[in-house]
PDB file of all heavy atoms in Angstrom:
ATOM      1  N   ASN A   1       0.881  -1.165   0.080  1.00  0.00           N
ATOM      2  CA  ASN A   1      -0.078  -0.034   0.031  1.00  0.00           C
ATOM      3  C   ASN A   1       0.907   1.286  -0.095  1.00  0.00           C
ATOM      4  O   ASN A   1       1.567   1.557   0.948  1.00  0.00           O
ATOM      5  CB  ASN A   1      -0.914  -0.009   1.245  1.00  0.00           C
ATOM      6  CG  ASN A   1      -1.875   1.152   1.256  1.00  0.00           C
ATOM      7  OD1 ASN A   1      -2.581   1.330   0.209  1.00  0.00           O
ATOM      8  ND2 ASN A   1      -2.055   1.906   2.223  1.00  0.00           N
ATOM      9  N   LEU A   2       0.949   1.971  -1.137  1.00  0.00           N
ATOM     10  CA  LEU A   2       1.821   3.091  -1.314  1.00  0.00           C
ATOM     11  C   LEU A   2       1.086   4.317  -0.761  1.00  0.00           C
ATOM     12  O   LEU A   2      -0.231   4.567  -0.964  1.00  0.00           O
ATOM     13  CB  LEU A   2       2.155   3.410  -2.741  1.00  0.00           C
ATOM     14  CG  LEU A   2       2.880   2.088  -3.366  1.00  0.00           C
ATOM     15  CD1 LEU A   2       3.199   2.268  -4.842  1.00  0.00           C
ATOM     16  CD2 LEU A   2       4.147   1.777  -2.664  1.00  0.00           C
ATOM     17  N   LEU A   3       1.725   5.236  -0.153  1.00  0.00           N
ATOM     18  CA  LEU A   3       1.095   6.351   0.613  1.00  0.00           C
ATOM     19  C   LEU A   3       1.763   7.687   0.367  1.00  0.00           C
ATOM     20  O   LEU A   3       2.907   7.702  -0.072  1.00  0.00           O
ATOM     21  CB  LEU A   3       1.123   6.136   2.066  1.00  0.00           C
ATOM     22  CG  LEU A   3       0.586   4.793   2.720  1.00  0.00           C
ATOM     23  CD1 LEU A   3       1.105   4.638   4.154  1.00  0.00           C
ATOM     24  CD2 LEU A   3      -0.905   4.997   2.742  1.00  0.00           C
ATOM     25  N   GLU A   4       0.980   8.683   0.688  1.00  0.00           N
ATOM     26  CA  GLU A   4       1.474   9.994   0.903  1.00  0.00           C
ATOM     27  C   GLU A   4       1.063  10.552   2.191  1.00  0.00           C
ATOM     28  O   GLU A   4      -0.012  10.261   2.673  1.00  0.00           O
ATOM     29  CB  GLU A   4       0.970  10.981  -0.186  1.00  0.00           C
ATOM     30  CG  GLU A   4       1.752  10.974  -1.497  1.00  0.00           C
ATOM     31  CD  GLU A   4       3.133  11.652  -1.557  1.00  0.00           C
ATOM     32  OE1 GLU A   4       3.808  11.507  -0.396  1.00  0.00           O
ATOM     33  OE2 GLU A   4       3.436  12.227  -2.537  1.00  0.00           O
ATOM     34  N   HIS A   5       1.981  11.259   2.858  1.00  0.00           N
ATOM     35  CA  HIS A   5       1.473  11.954   4.074  1.00  0.00           C
ATOM     36  C   HIS A   5       0.553  13.105   3.648  1.00  0.00           C
ATOM     37  O   HIS A   5       0.914  13.705   2.515  1.00  0.00           O
ATOM     38  CB  HIS A   5       2.791  12.743   4.680  1.00  0.00           C
ATOM     39  CG  HIS A   5       3.538  11.724   5.554  1.00  0.00           C
ATOM     40  ND1 HIS A   5       3.140  11.134   6.763  1.00  0.00           N
ATOM     41  CD2 HIS A   5       4.858  11.270   5.302  1.00  0.00           C
ATOM     42  CE1 HIS A   5       4.013  10.409   7.263  1.00  0.00           C
ATOM     43  NE2 HIS A   5       5.020  10.338   6.475  1.00  0.00           N
ATOM     44  N   THR A   6      -0.432  13.521   4.305  1.00  0.00           N
ATOM     45  CA  THR A   6      -1.261  14.573   3.782  1.00  0.00           C
ATOM     46  C   THR A   6      -0.724  15.942   3.850  1.00  0.00           C
ATOM     47  O   THR A   6      -1.239  16.702   3.073  1.00  0.00           O
ATOM     48  CB  THR A   6      -2.523  14.697   4.712  1.00  0.00           C
ATOM     49  OG1 THR A   6      -2.236  14.400   6.219  1.00  0.00           O
ATOM     50  CG2 THR A   6      -3.502  13.540   4.397  1.00  0.00           C
ATOM     51  N   VAL A   7       0.384  16.248   4.627  1.00  0.00           N
ATOM     52  CA  VAL A   7       1.171  17.422   4.430  1.00  0.00           C
ATOM     53  C   VAL A   7       1.726  17.594   2.912  1.00  0.00           C
ATOM     54  O   VAL A   7       1.924  18.783   2.498  1.00  0.00           O
ATOM     55  CB  VAL A   7       2.144  17.593   5.393  1.00  0.00           C
ATOM     56  CG1 VAL A   7       3.578  16.727   5.087  1.00  0.00           C
ATOM     57  CG2 VAL A   7       2.643  19.062   5.528  1.00  0.00           C
ATOM     58  N   ARG A   8       1.763  16.516   2.186  1.00  0.00           N
ATOM     59  CA  ARG A   8       2.300  16.582   0.800  1.00  0.00           C
ATOM     60  C   ARG A   8       1.070  16.655  -0.201  1.00  0.00           C
ATOM     61  O   ARG A   8       1.364  16.576  -1.416  1.00  0.00           O
ATOM     62  CB  ARG A   8       3.085  15.363   0.583  1.00  0.00           C
ATOM     63  CG  ARG A   8       4.537  15.526   1.183  1.00  0.00           C
ATOM     64  CD  ARG A   8       5.373  14.364   0.823  1.00  0.00           C
ATOM     65  NE  ARG A   8       5.332  13.831  -0.460  1.00  0.00           N
ATOM     66  CZ  ARG A   8       6.026  14.445  -1.457  1.00  0.00           C
ATOM     67  NH1 ARG A   8       6.899  15.419  -1.270  1.00  0.00           N
ATOM     68  NH2 ARG A   8       5.991  13.868  -2.627  1.00  0.00           N
ATOM     69  N   ILE A   9      -0.201  16.915   0.298  1.00  0.00           N
ATOM     70  CA  ILE A   9      -1.256  16.934  -0.581  1.00  0.00           C
ATOM     71  C   ILE A   9      -1.918  18.381  -0.277  1.00  0.00           C
ATOM     72  O   ILE A   9      -2.378  18.654   0.784  1.00  0.00           O
ATOM     73  CB  ILE A   9      -2.327  15.849  -0.373  1.00  0.00           C
ATOM     74  CG1 ILE A   9      -1.675  14.512  -0.613  1.00  0.00           C
ATOM     75  CG2 ILE A   9      -3.585  16.075  -1.311  1.00  0.00           C
ATOM     76  CD1 ILE A   9      -1.204  14.264  -1.996  1.00  0.00           C
ATOM     77  N   LYS A  10      -1.913  19.240  -1.317  1.00  0.00           N
ATOM     78  CA  LYS A  10      -2.289  20.587  -1.107  1.00  0.00           C
ATOM     79  C   LYS A  10      -3.717  20.784  -0.407  1.00  0.00           C
ATOM     80  O   LYS A  10      -3.998  21.604   0.254  1.00  0.00           O
ATOM     81  CB  LYS A  10      -2.322  21.378  -2.480  1.00  0.00           C
ATOM     82  CG  LYS A  10      -0.844  21.556  -3.035  1.00  0.00           C
ATOM     83  CD  LYS A  10      -1.058  22.099  -4.425  1.00  0.00           C
ATOM     84  CE  LYS A  10       0.415  22.153  -5.025  1.00  0.00           C
ATOM     85  NZ  LYS A  10       0.433  22.729  -6.456  1.00  0.00           N
ATOM     86  N   GLU A  11      -4.623  19.994  -0.870  1.00  0.00           N
ATOM     87  CA  GLU A  11      -6.049  19.989  -0.389  1.00  0.00           C
ATOM     88  C   GLU A  11      -6.205  19.915   1.081  1.00  0.00           C
ATOM     89  O   GLU A  11      -7.111  20.302   1.759  1.00  0.00           O
ATOM     90  CB  GLU A  11      -7.002  19.137  -1.121  1.00  0.00           C
ATOM     91  CG  GLU A  11      -7.339  19.477  -2.571  1.00  0.00           C
ATOM     92  CD  GLU A  11      -6.165  19.134  -3.595  1.00  0.00           C
ATOM     93  OE1 GLU A  11      -5.143  18.572  -3.109  1.00  0.00           O
ATOM     94  OE2 GLU A  11      -6.447  19.376  -4.749  1.00  0.00           O
ATOM     95  N   PHE A  12      -5.068  19.178   1.811  1.00  0.00           N
ATOM     96  CA  PHE A  12      -5.125  18.885   3.117  1.00  0.00           C
ATOM     97  C   PHE A  12      -4.451  20.061   3.904  1.00  0.00           C
ATOM     98  O   PHE A  12      -4.518  19.976   5.198  1.00  0.00           O
ATOM     99  CB  PHE A  12      -4.552  17.560   3.549  1.00  0.00           C
ATOM    100  CG  PHE A  12      -5.461  16.434   3.169  1.00  0.00           C
ATOM    101  CD1 PHE A  12      -5.389  15.707   1.975  1.00  0.00           C
ATOM    102  CD2 PHE A  12      -6.248  15.948   4.085  1.00  0.00           C
ATOM    103  CE1 PHE A  12      -6.165  14.714   1.669  1.00  0.00           C
ATOM    104  CE2 PHE A  12      -7.120  14.780   3.961  1.00  0.00           C
ATOM    105  CZ  PHE A  12      -6.994  14.186   2.732  1.00  0.00           C
ATOM    106  N   HIS A  13      -3.927  20.992   3.393  1.00  0.00           N
ATOM    107  CA  HIS A  13      -3.074  21.972   4.018  1.00  0.00           C
ATOM    108  C   HIS A  13      -3.971  22.817   5.025  1.00  0.00           C
ATOM    109  O   HIS A  13      -3.367  23.318   6.122  1.00  0.00           O
ATOM    110  CB  HIS A  13      -2.397  22.926   3.002  1.00  0.00           C
ATOM    111  CG  HIS A  13      -1.199  22.257   2.367  1.00  0.00           C
ATOM    112  ND1 HIS A  13      -0.437  22.834   1.385  1.00  0.00           N
ATOM    113  CD2 HIS A  13      -0.674  21.054   2.526  1.00  0.00           C
ATOM    114  CE1 HIS A  13       0.615  21.980   1.111  1.00  0.00           C
ATOM    115  NE2 HIS A  13       0.383  20.910   1.840  1.00  0.00           N
ATOM    116  N   PRO A  14      -5.240  23.126   4.792  1.00  0.00           N
ATOM    117  CA  PRO A  14      -6.005  23.870   5.798  1.00  0.00           C
ATOM    118  C   PRO A  14      -6.088  23.189   7.218  1.00  0.00           C
ATOM    119  O   PRO A  14      -6.052  23.877   8.227  1.00  0.00           O
ATOM    120  CB  PRO A  14      -7.344  23.992   5.191  1.00  0.00           C
ATOM    121  CG  PRO A  14      -7.214  23.874   3.816  1.00  0.00           C
ATOM    122  CD  PRO A  14      -6.109  23.064   3.485  1.00  0.00           C
ATOM    123  N   CYS A  15      -5.767  21.963   7.207  1.00  0.00           N
ATOM    124  CA  CYS A  15      -5.860  21.151   8.416  1.00  0.00           C
ATOM    125  C   CYS A  15      -4.511  21.541   9.264  1.00  0.00           C
ATOM    126  O   CYS A  15      -4.620  21.269  10.477  1.00  0.00           O
ATOM    127  CB  CYS A  15      -5.817  19.643   8.211  1.00  0.00           C
ATOM    128  SG  CYS A  15      -7.293  18.927   7.137  1.00  0.00           S
ATOM    129  N   PHE A  16      -3.565  21.962   8.669  1.00  0.00           N
ATOM    130  CA  PHE A  16      -2.244  22.180   9.457  1.00  0.00           C
ATOM    131  C   PHE A  16      -2.091  23.784   9.858  1.00  0.00           C
ATOM    132  O   PHE A  16      -1.093  24.162  10.397  1.00  0.00           O
ATOM    133  CB  PHE A  16      -1.130  21.915   8.520  1.00  0.00           C
ATOM    134  CG  PHE A  16      -0.907  20.516   8.198  1.00  0.00           C
ATOM    135  CD1 PHE A  16      -1.595  19.860   7.196  1.00  0.00           C
ATOM    136  CD2 PHE A  16      -0.079  19.658   9.019  1.00  0.00           C
ATOM    137  CE1 PHE A  16      -1.552  18.473   6.883  1.00  0.00           C
ATOM    138  CE2 PHE A  16       0.071  18.327   8.734  1.00  0.00           C
ATOM    139  CZ  PHE A  16      -0.611  17.701   7.782  1.00  0.00           C
ATOM    140  N   LYS A  17      -3.278  24.560   9.574  1.00  0.00           N
ATOM    141  CA  LYS A  17      -3.286  25.910   9.926  1.00  0.00           C
ATOM    142  C   LYS A  17      -2.740  26.275  11.364  1.00  0.00           C
ATOM    143  O   LYS A  17      -1.804  27.004  11.700  1.00  0.00           O
ATOM    144  CB  LYS A  17      -4.637  26.594   9.676  1.00  0.00           C
ATOM    145  CG  LYS A  17      -4.709  28.066  10.102  1.00  0.00           C
ATOM    146  CD  LYS A  17      -6.087  28.571   9.834  1.00  0.00           C
ATOM    147  CE  LYS A  17      -6.175  30.100  10.062  1.00  0.00           C
ATOM    148  NZ  LYS A  17      -5.946  30.458  11.431  1.00  0.00           N
ATOM    149  N   GLU A  18      -3.376  25.611  12.425  1.00  0.00           N
ATOM    150  CA  GLU A  18      -3.157  25.845  13.715  1.00  0.00           C
ATOM    151  C   GLU A  18      -1.712  25.295  14.235  1.00  0.00           C
ATOM    152  O   GLU A  18      -1.031  25.876  14.839  1.00  0.00           O
ATOM    153  CB  GLU A  18      -4.187  25.200  14.665  1.00  0.00           C
ATOM    154  CG  GLU A  18      -5.486  25.883  14.521  1.00  0.00           C
ATOM    155  CD  GLU A  18      -6.263  25.238  13.427  1.00  0.00           C
ATOM    156  OE1 GLU A  18      -5.895  24.304  12.752  1.00  0.00           O
ATOM    157  OE2 GLU A  18      -7.556  25.693  13.388  1.00  0.00           O
ATOM    158  N   ALA A  19      -1.360  24.225  13.620  1.00  0.00           N
ATOM    159  CA  ALA A  19       0.012  23.616  13.780  1.00  0.00           C
ATOM    160  C   ALA A  19       1.131  24.464  13.243  1.00  0.00           C
ATOM    161  O   ALA A  19       2.035  24.721  13.861  1.00  0.00           O
ATOM    162  CB  ALA A  19       0.065  22.133  13.137  1.00  0.00           C
ATOM    163  N   ARG A  20       0.879  25.073  12.073  1.00  0.00           N
ATOM    164  CA  ARG A  20       1.881  26.043  11.578  1.00  0.00           C
ATOM    165  C   ARG A  20       2.164  27.206  12.381  1.00  0.00           C
ATOM    166  O   ARG A  20       3.147  27.711  12.485  1.00  0.00           O
ATOM    167  CB  ARG A  20       1.347  26.460  10.129  1.00  0.00           C
ATOM    168  CG  ARG A  20       2.261  27.396   9.372  1.00  0.00           C
ATOM    169  CD  ARG A  20       1.772  27.768   8.101  1.00  0.00           C
ATOM    170  NE  ARG A  20       2.655  28.642   7.326  1.00  0.00           N
ATOM    171  CZ  ARG A  20       2.830  29.975   7.478  1.00  0.00           C
ATOM    172  NH1 ARG A  20       1.869  30.465   8.248  1.00  0.00           N
ATOM    173  NH2 ARG A  20       3.632  30.793   6.760  1.00  0.00           N
ATOM    174  N   GLU A  21       0.879  27.647  12.891  1.00  0.00           N
ATOM    175  CA  GLU A  21       0.939  28.964  13.798  1.00  0.00           C
ATOM    176  C   GLU A  21       1.531  28.620  15.208  1.00  0.00           C
ATOM    177  O   GLU A  21       1.746  29.611  15.883  1.00  0.00           O
ATOM    178  CB  GLU A  21      -0.417  29.674  13.838  1.00  0.00           C
ATOM    179  CG  GLU A  21      -0.865  30.053  12.489  1.00  0.00           C
ATOM    180  CD  GLU A  21      -2.259  30.511  12.560  1.00  0.00           C
ATOM    181  OE1 GLU A  21      -2.973  30.248  13.576  1.00  0.00           O
ATOM    182  OE2 GLU A  21      -2.747  31.031  11.409  1.00  0.00           O
ATOM    183  N   TYR A  22       1.625  27.461  15.542  1.00  0.00           N
ATOM    184  CA  TYR A  22       2.036  27.061  16.973  1.00  0.00           C
ATOM    185  C   TYR A  22       3.354  27.582  17.300  1.00  0.00           C
ATOM    186  O   TYR A  22       3.600  27.925  18.533  1.00  0.00           O
ATOM    187  CB  TYR A  22       2.000  25.524  17.165  1.00  0.00           C
ATOM    188  CG  TYR A  22       2.031  25.088  18.503  1.00  0.00           C
ATOM    189  CD1 TYR A  22       1.006  24.831  19.265  1.00  0.00           C
ATOM    190  CD2 TYR A  22       3.398  24.798  19.084  1.00  0.00           C
ATOM    191  CE1 TYR A  22       1.097  24.364  20.656  1.00  0.00           C
ATOM    192  CE2 TYR A  22       3.557  24.423  20.381  1.00  0.00           C
ATOM    193  CZ  TYR A  22       2.295  24.085  21.106  1.00  0.00           C
ATOM    194  OH  TYR A  22       2.433  23.728  22.379  1.00  0.00           O
ATOM    195  N   SER A  23       4.394  27.470  16.421  1.00  0.00           N
ATOM    196  CA  SER A  23       5.715  28.067  16.708  1.00  0.00           C
ATOM    197  C   SER A  23       6.480  28.314  15.461  1.00  0.00           C
ATOM    198  O   SER A  23       6.084  27.894  14.225  1.00  0.00           O
ATOM    199  CB  SER A  23       6.429  26.912  17.546  1.00  0.00           C
ATOM    200  OG  SER A  23       6.747  25.723  16.656  1.00  0.00           O
ATOM    201  N   LEU A  24       7.633  29.029  15.548  1.00  0.00           N
ATOM    202  CA  LEU A  24       8.322  29.302  14.387  1.00  0.00           C
ATOM    203  C   LEU A  24       8.955  27.995  13.818  1.00  0.00           C
ATOM    204  O   LEU A  24       8.985  27.884  12.510  1.00  0.00           O
ATOM    205  CB  LEU A  24       9.557  30.141  14.889  1.00  0.00           C
ATOM    206  CG  LEU A  24      10.477  30.735  13.643  1.00  0.00           C
ATOM    207  CD1 LEU A  24       9.661  31.356  12.580  1.00  0.00           C
ATOM    208  CD2 LEU A  24      11.564  31.572  14.192  1.00  0.00           C
ATOM    209  N   TYR A  25       9.400  27.058  14.659  1.00  0.00           N
ATOM    210  CA  TYR A  25       9.920  25.857  14.134  1.00  0.00           C
ATOM    211  C   TYR A  25       8.852  25.189  13.319  1.00  0.00           C
ATOM    212  O   TYR A  25       9.112  24.641  12.245  1.00  0.00           O
ATOM    213  CB  TYR A  25      10.244  24.941  15.309  1.00  0.00           C
ATOM    214  CG  TYR A  25      10.702  23.394  14.871  1.00  0.00           C
ATOM    215  CD1 TYR A  25      11.827  23.118  14.481  1.00  0.00           C
ATOM    216  CD2 TYR A  25       9.752  22.482  14.774  1.00  0.00           C
ATOM    217  CE1 TYR A  25      12.300  21.910  14.032  1.00  0.00           C
ATOM    218  CE2 TYR A  25       9.896  21.186  14.368  1.00  0.00           C
ATOM    219  CZ  TYR A  25      11.263  20.942  14.002  1.00  0.00           C
ATOM    220  OH  TYR A  25      11.629  19.627  13.581  1.00  0.00           O
ATOM    221  N   GLN A  26       7.613  25.088  13.724  1.00  0.00           N
ATOM    222  CA  GLN A  26       6.657  24.347  13.065  1.00  0.00           C
ATOM    223  C   GLN A  26       6.213  25.150  11.780  1.00  0.00           C
ATOM    224  O   GLN A  26       5.923  24.509  10.687  1.00  0.00           O
ATOM    225  CB  GLN A  26       5.467  24.091  13.929  1.00  0.00           C
ATOM    226  CG  GLN A  26       5.710  23.012  14.896  1.00  0.00           C
ATOM    227  CD  GLN A  26       4.563  22.727  15.856  1.00  0.00           C
ATOM    228  OE1 GLN A  26       4.738  22.005  16.846  1.00  0.00           O
ATOM    229  NE2 GLN A  26       3.303  23.089  15.477  1.00  0.00           N
ATOM    230  N   LYS A  27       6.331  26.409  11.723  1.00  0.00           N
ATOM    231  CA  LYS A  27       6.099  27.262  10.560  1.00  0.00           C
ATOM    232  C   LYS A  27       7.064  26.891   9.491  1.00  0.00           C
ATOM    233  O   LYS A  27       6.757  26.701   8.367  1.00  0.00           O
ATOM    234  CB  LYS A  27       6.028  28.757  10.949  1.00  0.00           C
ATOM    235  CG  LYS A  27       5.733  29.565   9.722  1.00  0.00           C
ATOM    236  CD  LYS A  27       5.813  31.057  10.104  1.00  0.00           C
ATOM    237  CE  LYS A  27       5.574  32.063   8.952  1.00  0.00           C
ATOM    238  NZ  LYS A  27       6.581  31.815   7.847  1.00  0.00           N
ATOM    239  N   LYS A  28       8.340  26.908   9.845  1.00  0.00           N
ATOM    240  CA  LYS A  28       9.352  26.686   8.835  1.00  0.00           C
ATOM    241  C   LYS A  28       9.182  25.217   8.346  1.00  0.00           C
ATOM    242  O   LYS A  28       9.362  24.924   7.217  1.00  0.00           O
ATOM    243  CB  LYS A  28      10.713  26.710   9.531  1.00  0.00           C
ATOM    244  CG  LYS A  28      11.119  28.255   9.794  1.00  0.00           C
ATOM    245  CD  LYS A  28      12.510  28.377  10.488  1.00  0.00           C
ATOM    246  CE  LYS A  28      12.865  29.886  10.669  1.00  0.00           C
ATOM    247  NZ  LYS A  28      14.195  29.912  11.351  1.00  0.00           N
ATOM    248  N   TRP A  29       8.810  24.120   9.282  1.00  0.00           N
ATOM    249  CA  TRP A  29       8.808  22.882   8.867  1.00  0.00           C
ATOM    250  C   TRP A  29       7.644  22.751   7.780  1.00  0.00           C
ATOM    251  O   TRP A  29       7.750  22.103   6.668  1.00  0.00           O
ATOM    252  CB  TRP A  29       8.364  21.955  10.029  1.00  0.00           C
ATOM    253  CG  TRP A  29       8.119  20.544   9.544  1.00  0.00           C
ATOM    254  CD1 TRP A  29       9.075  19.570   9.535  1.00  0.00           C
ATOM    255  CD2 TRP A  29       6.827  19.999   9.376  1.00  0.00           C
ATOM    256  NE1 TRP A  29       8.513  18.296   9.138  1.00  0.00           N
ATOM    257  CE2 TRP A  29       7.112  18.577   8.997  1.00  0.00           C
ATOM    258  CE3 TRP A  29       5.576  20.430   9.338  1.00  0.00           C
ATOM    259  CZ2 TRP A  29       6.002  17.623   8.749  1.00  0.00           C
ATOM    260  CZ3 TRP A  29       4.627  19.448   8.900  1.00  0.00           C
ATOM    261  CH2 TRP A  29       4.905  18.091   8.689  1.00  0.00           C
ATOM    262  N   PHE A  30       6.535  23.371   8.151  1.00  0.00           N
ATOM    263  CA  PHE A  30       5.260  23.209   7.227  1.00  0.00           C
ATOM    264  C   PHE A  30       5.637  23.843   5.896  1.00  0.00           C
ATOM    265  O   PHE A  30       5.377  23.358   4.795  1.00  0.00           O
ATOM    266  CB  PHE A  30       4.052  23.886   7.746  1.00  0.00           C
ATOM    267  CG  PHE A  30       2.970  23.830   6.915  1.00  0.00           C
ATOM    268  CD1 PHE A  30       2.069  22.724   6.786  1.00  0.00           C
ATOM    269  CD2 PHE A  30       2.647  25.002   6.159  1.00  0.00           C
ATOM    270  CE1 PHE A  30       1.059  22.716   5.863  1.00  0.00           C
ATOM    271  CE2 PHE A  30       1.581  24.927   5.366  1.00  0.00           C
ATOM    272  CZ  PHE A  30       0.800  23.923   5.108  1.00  0.00           C
TER     273      PHE A  30
END
């Protein structure tokens, strides 16, 4: 079963909004 993490699919990016804003480290990672 071949996969992608959802962070690599543009349509899922709204789900990461709060995580991105949590810290500078997480913003740079995202």
